[in-house]
C-alpha cells in the first residue's frame, strides 16, 4: 500500500464527499447521514460506486479489493475502512 499523503479521518471523509458530489451532483447531500447506504441514498449504480472507489484510491493511495466492496455500505464504513488501511 502506498499512500499519496497521510490523511486523518476528517480529510478522508471530505475527499469521499467531494467524490460523491462529482458522481451524483443532483443528490441532496444535506439528507445524507453517515450511517445510511450510500448507493441507495444517492441512487448510484454499481458502476458509479466503482468510480467512487477508484477516485478514492487515487486520492488516498488505499487499494480496495473487490472482495471488500460489500463491506462498504455507508460513509462511515468507507471512511473507517480507508483509515484502517492507512494506519
PDB file of N, CA and C in Angstrom:
ATOM      1  N   UNK A   1       0.848  -1.174   0.000  1.00  0.00           N
ATOM      2  CA  UNK A   1       0.000   0.000   0.000  1.00  0.00           C
ATOM      3  C   UNK A   1       0.894   1.238   0.000  1.00  0.00           C
ATOM      4  N   UNK A   2       0.641   2.112  -0.926  1.00  0.00           N
ATOM      5  CA  UNK A   2       1.387   3.360  -0.998  1.00  0.00           C
ATOM      6  C   UNK A   2       0.404   4.509  -0.859  1.00  0.00           C
ATOM      7  N   UNK A   3       0.564   5.326   0.155  1.00  0.00           N
ATOM      8  CA  UNK A   3      -0.323   6.467   0.324  1.00  0.00           C
ATOM      9  C   UNK A   3       0.295   7.690  -0.315  1.00  0.00           C
ATOM     10  N   UNK A   4      -0.553   8.492  -0.924  1.00  0.00           N
ATOM     11  CA  UNK A   4      -0.085   9.722  -1.530  1.00  0.00           C
ATOM     12  C   UNK A   4       0.273  10.724  -0.453  1.00  0.00           C
ATOM     13  N   UNK A   5      -0.477  10.716   0.624  1.00  0.00           N
ATOM     14  CA  UNK A   5      -0.211  11.597   1.753  1.00  0.00           C
ATOM     15  C   UNK A   5      -0.944  11.035   2.959  1.00  0.00           C
ATOM     16  N   UNK A   6      -0.443  11.342   4.125  1.00  0.00           N
ATOM     17  CA  UNK A   6      -1.141  10.926   5.334  1.00  0.00           C
ATOM     18  C   UNK A   6      -2.402  11.767   5.471  1.00  0.00           C
ATOM     19  N   UNK A   7      -3.502  11.114   5.747  1.00  0.00           N
ATOM     20  CA  UNK A   7      -4.775  11.814   5.891  1.00  0.00           C
ATOM     21  C   UNK A   7      -5.407  11.393   7.207  1.00  0.00           C
ATOM     22  N   UNK A   8      -6.118  12.331   7.836  1.00  0.00           N
ATOM     23  CA  UNK A   8      -6.884  11.954   9.013  1.00  0.00           C
ATOM     24  C   UNK A   8      -8.305  11.598   8.573  1.00  0.00           C
ATOM     25  N   UNK A   9      -9.109  11.148   9.521  1.00  0.00           N
ATOM     26  CA  UNK A   9     -10.462  10.706   9.177  1.00  0.00           C
ATOM     27  C   UNK A   9     -11.299  11.825   8.572  1.00  0.00           C
ATOM     28  N   UNK A  10     -11.159  13.034   9.073  1.00  0.00           N
ATOM     29  CA  UNK A  10     -11.928  14.161   8.538  1.00  0.00           C
ATOM     30  C   UNK A  10     -11.537  14.449   7.091  1.00  0.00           C
ATOM     31  N   UNK A  11     -10.265  14.323   6.779  1.00  0.00           N
ATOM     32  CA  UNK A  11      -9.807  14.553   5.404  1.00  0.00           C
ATOM     33  C   UNK A  11     -10.293  13.449   4.468  1.00  0.00           C
ATOM     34  N   UNK A  12     -10.312  12.223   4.952  1.00  0.00           N
ATOM     35  CA  UNK A  12     -10.835  11.111   4.151  1.00  0.00           C
ATOM     36  C   UNK A  12     -12.315  11.344   3.880  1.00  0.00           C
ATOM     37  N   UNK A  13     -13.063  11.732   4.916  1.00  0.00           N
ATOM     38  CA  UNK A  13     -14.498  11.995   4.767  1.00  0.00           C
ATOM     39  C   UNK A  13     -14.731  13.129   3.769  1.00  0.00           C
ATOM     40  N   UNK A  14     -13.960  14.200   3.865  1.00  0.00           N
ATOM     41  CA  UNK A  14     -14.112  15.335   2.950  1.00  0.00           C
ATOM     42  C   UNK A  14     -13.812  14.912   1.514  1.00  0.00           C
ATOM     43  N   UNK A  15     -12.767  14.112   1.335  1.00  0.00           N
ATOM     44  CA  UNK A  15     -12.421  13.628  -0.008  1.00  0.00           C
ATOM     45  C   UNK A  15     -13.537  12.752  -0.557  1.00  0.00           C
ATOM     46  N   UNK A  16     -14.076  11.864   0.275  1.00  0.00           N
ATOM     47  CA  UNK A  16     -15.162  10.985  -0.147  1.00  0.00           C
ATOM     48  C   UNK A  16     -16.392  11.788  -0.543  1.00  0.00           C
ATOM     49  N   UNK A  17     -16.763  12.763   0.266  1.00  0.00           N
ATOM     50  CA  UNK A  17     -17.941  13.573  -0.050  1.00  0.00           C
ATOM     51  C   UNK A  17     -17.752  14.358  -1.342  1.00  0.00           C
ATOM     52  N   UNK A  18     -16.558  14.860  -1.570  1.00  0.00           N
ATOM     53  CA  UNK A  18     -16.279  15.583  -2.816  1.00  0.00           C
ATOM     54  C   UNK A  18     -16.423  14.648  -4.019  1.00  0.00           C
ATOM     55  N   UNK A  19     -15.910  13.444  -3.886  1.00  0.00           N
ATOM     56  CA  UNK A  19     -16.023  12.452  -4.959  1.00  0.00           C
ATOM     57  C   UNK A  19     -17.488  12.115  -5.208  1.00  0.00           C
ATOM     58  N   UNK A  20     -18.239  11.884  -4.137  1.00  0.00           N
ATOM     59  CA  UNK A  20     -19.658  11.557  -4.280  1.00  0.00           C
ATOM     60  C   UNK A  20     -20.428  12.694  -4.936  1.00  0.00           C
ATOM     61  N   UNK A  21     -20.088  13.925  -4.606  1.00  0.00           N
ATOM     62  CA  UNK A  21     -20.758  15.074  -5.222  1.00  0.00           C
ATOM     63  C   UNK A  21     -20.465  15.148  -6.714  1.00  0.00           C
ATOM     64  N   UNK A  22     -19.285  14.713  -7.128  1.00  0.00           N
ATOM     65  CA  UNK A  22     -18.959  14.685  -8.553  1.00  0.00           C
ATOM     66  C   UNK A  22     -19.700  13.569  -9.280  1.00  0.00           C
ATOM     67  N   UNK A  23     -19.898  12.443  -8.603  1.00  0.00           N
ATOM     68  CA  UNK A  23     -20.580  11.303  -9.209  1.00  0.00           C
ATOM     69  C   UNK A  23     -22.094  11.509  -9.233  1.00  0.00           C
ATOM     70  N   UNK A  24     -22.622  12.135  -8.200  1.00  0.00           N
ATOM     71  CA  UNK A  24     -24.075  12.342  -8.087  1.00  0.00           C
ATOM     72  C   UNK A  24     -24.369  13.809  -7.776  1.00  0.00           C
ATOM     73  N   UNK A  25     -24.124  14.709  -8.741  1.00  0.00           N
ATOM     74  CA  UNK A  25     -24.271  16.142  -8.472  1.00  0.00           C
ATOM     75  C   UNK A  25     -25.700  16.576  -8.142  1.00  0.00           C
ATOM     76  N   UNK A  26     -26.680  15.782  -8.557  1.00  0.00           N
ATOM     77  CA  UNK A  26     -28.074  16.145  -8.314  1.00  0.00           C
ATOM     78  C   UNK A  26     -28.577  15.708  -6.941  1.00  0.00           C
ATOM     79  N   UNK A  27     -27.788  14.934  -6.230  1.00  0.00           N
ATOM     80  CA  UNK A  27     -28.206  14.389  -4.938  1.00  0.00           C
ATOM     81  C   UNK A  27     -28.258  15.469  -3.862  1.00  0.00           C
ATOM     82  N   UNK A  28     -29.139  15.246  -2.890  1.00  0.00           N
ATOM     83  CA  UNK A  28     -29.278  16.151  -1.753  1.00  0.00           C
ATOM     84  C   UNK A  28     -28.391  15.633  -0.619  1.00  0.00           C
ATOM     85  N   UNK A  29     -27.203  16.212  -0.501  1.00  0.00           N
ATOM     86  CA  UNK A  29     -26.241  15.736   0.490  1.00  0.00           C
ATOM     87  C   UNK A  29     -26.596  16.175   1.905  1.00  0.00           C
ATOM     88  N   UNK A  30     -27.491  17.124   2.057  1.00  0.00           N
ATOM     89  CA  UNK A  30     -27.947  17.516   3.390  1.00  0.00           C
ATOM     90  C   UNK A  30     -28.742  16.389   4.037  1.00  0.00           C
ATOM     91  N   UNK A  31     -29.334  15.545   3.212  1.00  0.00           N
ATOM     92  CA  UNK A  31     -30.145  14.437   3.707  1.00  0.00           C
ATOM     93  C   UNK A  31     -29.331  13.160   3.918  1.00  0.00           C
ATOM     94  N   UNK A  32     -28.064  13.189   3.558  1.00  0.00           N
ATOM     95  CA  UNK A  32     -27.220  12.001   3.653  1.00  0.00           C
ATOM     96  C   UNK A  32     -26.558  11.938   5.022  1.00  0.00           C
ATOM     97  N   UNK A  33     -26.957  10.960   5.815  1.00  0.00           N
ATOM     98  CA  UNK A  33     -26.322  10.797   7.122  1.00  0.00           C
ATOM     99  C   UNK A  33     -25.235   9.734   7.018  1.00  0.00           C
ATOM    100  N   UNK A  34     -24.355   9.726   7.977  1.00  0.00           N
ATOM    101  CA  UNK A  34     -23.148   8.905   7.922  1.00  0.00           C
ATOM    102  C   UNK A  34     -23.422   7.405   7.894  1.00  0.00           C
ATOM    103  N   UNK A  35     -24.550   6.953   8.445  1.00  0.00           N
ATOM    104  CA  UNK A  35     -24.792   5.523   8.559  1.00  0.00           C
ATOM    105  C   UNK A  35     -25.694   4.908   7.505  1.00  0.00           C
ATOM    106  N   UNK A  36     -26.197   5.688   6.559  1.00  0.00           N
ATOM    107  CA  UNK A  36     -27.121   5.147   5.557  1.00  0.00           C
ATOM    108  C   UNK A  36     -26.367   4.555   4.370  1.00  0.00           C
ATOM    109  N   UNK A  37     -27.037   3.694   3.638  1.00  0.00           N
ATOM    110  CA  UNK A  37     -26.473   3.078   2.439  1.00  0.00           C
ATOM    111  C   UNK A  37     -26.259   4.161   1.380  1.00  0.00           C
ATOM    112  N   UNK A  38     -25.010   4.415   1.048  1.00  0.00           N
ATOM    113  CA  UNK A  38     -24.653   5.490   0.119  1.00  0.00           C
ATOM    114  C   UNK A  38     -25.274   5.257  -1.253  1.00  0.00           C
ATOM    115  N   UNK A  39     -25.191   4.036  -1.744  1.00  0.00           N
ATOM    116  CA  UNK A  39     -25.710   3.752  -3.090  1.00  0.00           C
ATOM    117  C   UNK A  39     -27.210   3.976  -3.160  1.00  0.00           C
ATOM    118  N   UNK A  40     -27.905   3.551  -2.134  1.00  0.00           N
ATOM    119  CA  UNK A  40     -29.357   3.719  -2.115  1.00  0.00           C
ATOM    120  C   UNK A  40     -29.736   5.187  -1.930  1.00  0.00           C
ATOM    121  N   UNK A  41     -29.097   5.857  -0.986  1.00  0.00           N
ATOM    122  CA  UNK A  41     -29.433   7.249  -0.680  1.00  0.00           C
ATOM    123  C   UNK A  41     -29.165   8.180  -1.858  1.00  0.00           C
ATOM    124  N   UNK A  42     -28.101   7.906  -2.609  1.00  0.00           N
ATOM    125  CA  UNK A  42     -27.733   8.780  -3.723  1.00  0.00           C
ATOM    126  C   UNK A  42     -28.185   8.230  -5.068  1.00  0.00           C
ATOM    127  N   UNK A  43     -28.819   7.064  -5.042  1.00  0.00           N
ATOM    128  CA  UNK A  43     -29.314   6.416  -6.255  1.00  0.00           C
ATOM    129  C   UNK A  43     -28.195   6.256  -7.288  1.00  0.00           C
ATOM    130  N   UNK A  44     -27.071   5.690  -6.841  1.00  0.00           N
ATOM    131  CA  UNK A  44     -25.968   5.426  -7.764  1.00  0.00           C
ATOM    132  C   UNK A  44     -25.853   3.924  -7.993  1.00  0.00           C
ATOM    133  N   UNK A  45     -25.500   3.562  -9.210  1.00  0.00           N
ATOM    134  CA  UNK A  45     -25.389   2.145  -9.550  1.00  0.00           C
ATOM    135  C   UNK A  45     -23.990   1.622  -9.222  1.00  0.00           C
ATOM    136  N   UNK A  46     -23.788   0.346  -9.480  1.00  0.00           N
ATOM    137  CA  UNK A  46     -22.513  -0.276  -9.121  1.00  0.00           C
ATOM    138  C   UNK A  46     -21.352   0.309  -9.919  1.00  0.00           C
ATOM    139  N   UNK A  47     -21.585   0.721 -11.155  1.00  0.00           N
ATOM    140  CA  UNK A  47     -20.526   1.340 -11.958  1.00  0.00           C
ATOM    141  C   UNK A  47     -20.109   2.677 -11.347  1.00  0.00           C
ATOM    142  N   UNK A  48     -21.087   3.489 -10.944  1.00  0.00           N
ATOM    143  CA  UNK A  48     -20.772   4.765 -10.294  1.00  0.00           C
ATOM    144  C   UNK A  48     -20.040   4.535  -8.973  1.00  0.00           C
ATOM    145  N   UNK A  49     -20.472   3.521  -8.227  1.00  0.00           N
ATOM    146  CA  UNK A  49     -19.818   3.227  -6.953  1.00  0.00           C
ATOM    147  C   UNK A  49     -18.373   2.790  -7.183  1.00  0.00           C
ATOM    148  N   UNK A  50     -18.144   2.005  -8.219  1.00  0.00           N
ATOM    149  CA  UNK A  50     -16.781   1.611  -8.564  1.00  0.00           C
ATOM    150  C   UNK A  50     -15.945   2.849  -8.884  1.00  0.00           C
ATOM    151  N   UNK A  51     -16.515   3.797  -9.609  1.00  0.00           N
ATOM    152  CA  UNK A  51     -15.810   5.048  -9.910  1.00  0.00           C
ATOM    153  C   UNK A  51     -15.479   5.827  -8.641  1.00  0.00           C
ATOM    154  N   UNK A  52     -16.367   5.790  -7.660  1.00  0.00           N
ATOM    155  CA  UNK A  52     -16.107   6.435  -6.369  1.00  0.00           C
ATOM    156  C   UNK A  52     -14.891   5.787  -5.706  1.00  0.00           C
ATOM    157  N   UNK A  53     -14.870   4.471  -5.687  1.00  0.00           N
ATOM    158  CA  UNK A  53     -13.764   3.756  -5.040  1.00  0.00           C
ATOM    159  C   UNK A  53     -12.446   3.969  -5.778  1.00  0.00           C
ATOM    160  N   UNK A  54     -12.490   4.037  -7.097  1.00  0.00           N
ATOM    161  CA  UNK A  54     -11.274   4.302  -7.877  1.00  0.00           C
ATOM    162  C   UNK A  54     -10.752   5.701  -7.575  1.00  0.00           C
ATOM    163  N   UNK A  55     -11.648   6.679  -7.558  1.00  0.00           N
ATOM    164  CA  UNK A  55     -11.239   8.058  -7.258  1.00  0.00           C
ATOM    165  C   UNK A  55     -10.693   8.164  -5.839  1.00  0.00           C
ATOM    166  N   UNK A  56     -11.306   7.445  -4.906  1.00  0.00           N
ATOM    167  CA  UNK A  56     -10.824   7.461  -3.525  1.00  0.00           C
ATOM    168  C   UNK A  56      -9.431   6.833  -3.445  1.00  0.00           C
ATOM    169  N   UNK A  57      -9.211   5.780  -4.193  1.00  0.00           N
ATOM    170  CA  UNK A  57      -7.882   5.163  -4.262  1.00  0.00           C
ATOM    171  C   UNK A  57      -6.860   6.153  -4.801  1.00  0.00           C
ATOM    172  N   UNK A  58      -7.233   6.902  -5.828  1.00  0.00           N
ATOM    173  CA  UNK A  58      -6.314   7.880  -6.411  1.00  0.00           C
ATOM    174  C   UNK A  58      -5.954   8.979  -5.415  1.00  0.00           C
ATOM    175  N   UNK A  59      -6.904   9.358  -4.562  1.00  0.00           N
ATOM    176  CA  UNK A  59      -6.642  10.429  -3.598  1.00  0.00           C
ATOM    177  C   UNK A  59      -5.940   9.950  -2.341  1.00  0.00           C
ATOM    178  N   UNK A  60      -6.165   8.691  -1.969  1.00  0.00           N
ATOM    179  CA  UNK A  60      -5.617   8.202  -0.701  1.00  0.00           C
ATOM    180  C   UNK A  60      -4.476   7.210  -0.869  1.00  0.00           C
ATOM    181  N   UNK A  61      -4.413   6.562  -2.017  1.00  0.00           N
ATOM    182  CA  UNK A  61      -3.426   5.511  -2.220  1.00  0.00           C
ATOM    183  C   UNK A  61      -3.847   4.169  -1.662  1.00  0.00           C
ATOM    184  N   UNK A  62      -5.039   4.087  -1.086  1.00  0.00           N
ATOM    185  CA  UNK A  62      -5.532   2.840  -0.500  1.00  0.00           C
ATOM    186  C   UNK A  62      -6.282   2.047  -1.565  1.00  0.00           C
ATOM    187  N   UNK A  63      -5.781   0.853  -1.852  1.00  0.00           N
ATOM    188  CA  UNK A  63      -6.459  -0.023  -2.799  1.00  0.00           C
ATOM    189  C   UNK A  63      -7.529  -0.812  -2.067  1.00  0.00           C
ATOM    190  N   UNK A  64      -8.691  -0.886  -2.680  1.00  0.00           N
ATOM    191  CA  UNK A  64      -9.810  -1.603  -2.082  1.00  0.00           C
ATOM    192  C   UNK A  64     -10.103  -2.810  -2.966  1.00  0.00           C
ATOM    193  N   UNK A  65      -9.805  -4.012  -2.484  1.00  0.00           N
ATOM    194  CA  UNK A  65     -10.065  -5.198  -3.297  1.00  0.00           C
ATOM    195  C   UNK A  65     -11.562  -5.421  -3.485  1.00  0.00           C
ATOM    196  N   UNK A  66     -11.910  -5.992  -4.619  1.00  0.00           N
ATOM    197  CA  UNK A  66     -13.311  -6.241  -4.945  1.00  0.00           C
ATOM    198  C   UNK A  66     -14.005  -7.058  -3.858  1.00  0.00           C
ATOM    199  N   UNK A  67     -13.285  -7.941  -3.216  1.00  0.00           N
ATOM    200  CA  UNK A  67     -13.861  -8.776  -2.157  1.00  0.00           C
ATOM    201  C   UNK A  67     -14.380  -7.938  -0.989  1.00  0.00           C
ATOM    202  N   UNK A  68     -13.882  -6.717  -0.835  1.00  0.00           N
ATOM    203  CA  UNK A  68     -14.299  -5.855   0.278  1.00  0.00           C
ATOM    204  C   UNK A  68     -15.424  -4.891  -0.081  1.00  0.00           C
ATOM    205  N   UNK A  69     -15.816  -4.818  -1.338  1.00  0.00           N
ATOM    206  CA  UNK A  69     -16.845  -3.859  -1.750  1.00  0.00           C
ATOM    207  C   UNK A  69     -18.128  -4.001  -0.932  1.00  0.00           C
ATOM    208  N   UNK A  70     -18.511  -5.226  -0.624  1.00  0.00           N
ATOM    209  CA  UNK A  70     -19.744  -5.470   0.109  1.00  0.00           C
ATOM    210  C   UNK A  70     -19.734  -4.937   1.528  1.00  0.00           C
ATOM    211  N   UNK A  71     -18.558  -4.698   2.078  1.00  0.00           N
ATOM    212  CA  UNK A  71     -18.431  -4.151   3.439  1.00  0.00           C
ATOM    213  C   UNK A  71     -18.600  -2.646   3.462  1.00  0.00           C
ATOM    214  N   UNK A  72     -18.543  -2.015   2.304  1.00  0.00           N
ATOM    215  CA  UNK A  72     -18.527  -0.558   2.219  1.00  0.00           C
ATOM    216  C   UNK A  72     -19.918  -0.050   1.860  1.00  0.00           C
ATOM    217  N   UNK A  73     -20.744   0.061   2.873  1.00  0.00           N
ATOM    218  CA  UNK A  73     -22.138   0.434   2.665  1.00  0.00           C
ATOM    219  C   UNK A  73     -22.354   1.925   2.906  1.00  0.00           C
ATOM    220  N   UNK A  74     -21.927   2.395   4.044  1.00  0.00           N
ATOM    221  CA  UNK A  74     -22.187   3.782   4.443  1.00  0.00           C
ATOM    222  C   UNK A  74     -20.921   4.629   4.343  1.00  0.00           C
ATOM    223  N   UNK A  75     -21.083   5.918   4.491  1.00  0.00           N
ATOM    224  CA  UNK A  75     -19.932   6.822   4.518  1.00  0.00           C
ATOM    225  C   UNK A  75     -18.996   6.419   5.655  1.00  0.00           C
ATOM    226  N   UNK A  76     -19.566   6.128   6.819  1.00  0.00           N
ATOM    227  CA  UNK A  76     -18.738   5.702   7.954  1.00  0.00           C
ATOM    228  C   UNK A  76     -17.958   4.432   7.632  1.00  0.00           C
ATOM    229  N   UNK A  77     -18.621   3.465   6.978  1.00  0.00           N
ATOM    230  CA  UNK A  77     -17.939   2.220   6.606  1.00  0.00           C
ATOM    231  C   UNK A  77     -16.731   2.509   5.722  1.00  0.00           C
ATOM    232  N   UNK A  78     -16.925   3.357   4.732  1.00  0.00           N
ATOM    233  CA  UNK A  78     -15.857   3.657   3.774  1.00  0.00           C
ATOM    234  C   UNK A  78     -14.724   4.413   4.454  1.00  0.00           C
ATOM    235  N   UNK A  79     -15.072   5.437   5.226  1.00  0.00           N
ATOM    236  CA  UNK A  79     -14.047   6.232   5.914  1.00  0.00           C
ATOM    237  C   UNK A  79     -13.257   5.357   6.886  1.00  0.00           C
ATOM    238  N   UNK A  80     -13.952   4.560   7.682  1.00  0.00           N
ATOM    239  CA  UNK A  80     -13.269   3.692   8.650  1.00  0.00           C
ATOM    240  C   UNK A  80     -12.376   2.664   7.960  1.00  0.00           C
ATOM    241  N   UNK A  81     -12.836   2.133   6.846  1.00  0.00           N
ATOM    242  CA  UNK A  81     -12.047   1.158   6.089  1.00  0.00           C
ATOM    243  C   UNK A  81     -10.750   1.791   5.585  1.00  0.00           C
ATOM    244  N   UNK A  82     -10.871   2.947   4.931  1.00  0.00           N
ATOM    245  CA  UNK A  82      -9.691   3.626   4.384  1.00  0.00           C
ATOM    246  C   UNK A  82      -8.748   4.030   5.511  1.00  0.00           C
ATOM    247  N   UNK A  83      -9.292   4.573   6.589  1.00  0.00           N
ATOM    248  CA  UNK A  83      -8.479   4.992   7.734  1.00  0.00           C
ATOM    249  C   UNK A  83      -7.696   3.803   8.296  1.00  0.00           C
ATOM    250  N   UNK A  84      -8.368   2.672   8.456  1.00  0.00           N
ATOM    251  CA  UNK A  84      -7.705   1.480   8.997  1.00  0.00           C
ATOM    252  C   UNK A  84      -6.587   1.002   8.074  1.00  0.00           C
ATOM    253  N   UNK A  85      -6.805   1.065   6.775  1.00  0.00           N
ATOM    254  CA  UNK A  85      -5.784   0.630   5.818  1.00  0.00           C
ATOM    255  C   UNK A  85      -4.591   1.582   5.796  1.00  0.00           C
ATOM    256  N   UNK A  86      -4.815   2.843   6.135  1.00  0.00           N
ATOM    257  CA  UNK A  86      -3.733   3.827   6.130  1.00  0.00           C
ATOM    258  C   UNK A  86      -2.878   3.735   7.392  1.00  0.00           C
ATOM    259  N   UNK A  87      -3.425   3.126   8.428  1.00  0.00           N
ATOM    260  CA  UNK A  87      -2.723   3.101   9.719  1.00  0.00           C
ATOM    261  C   UNK A  87      -2.343   1.728  10.153  1.00  0.00           C
TER     262      UNK A  87
END
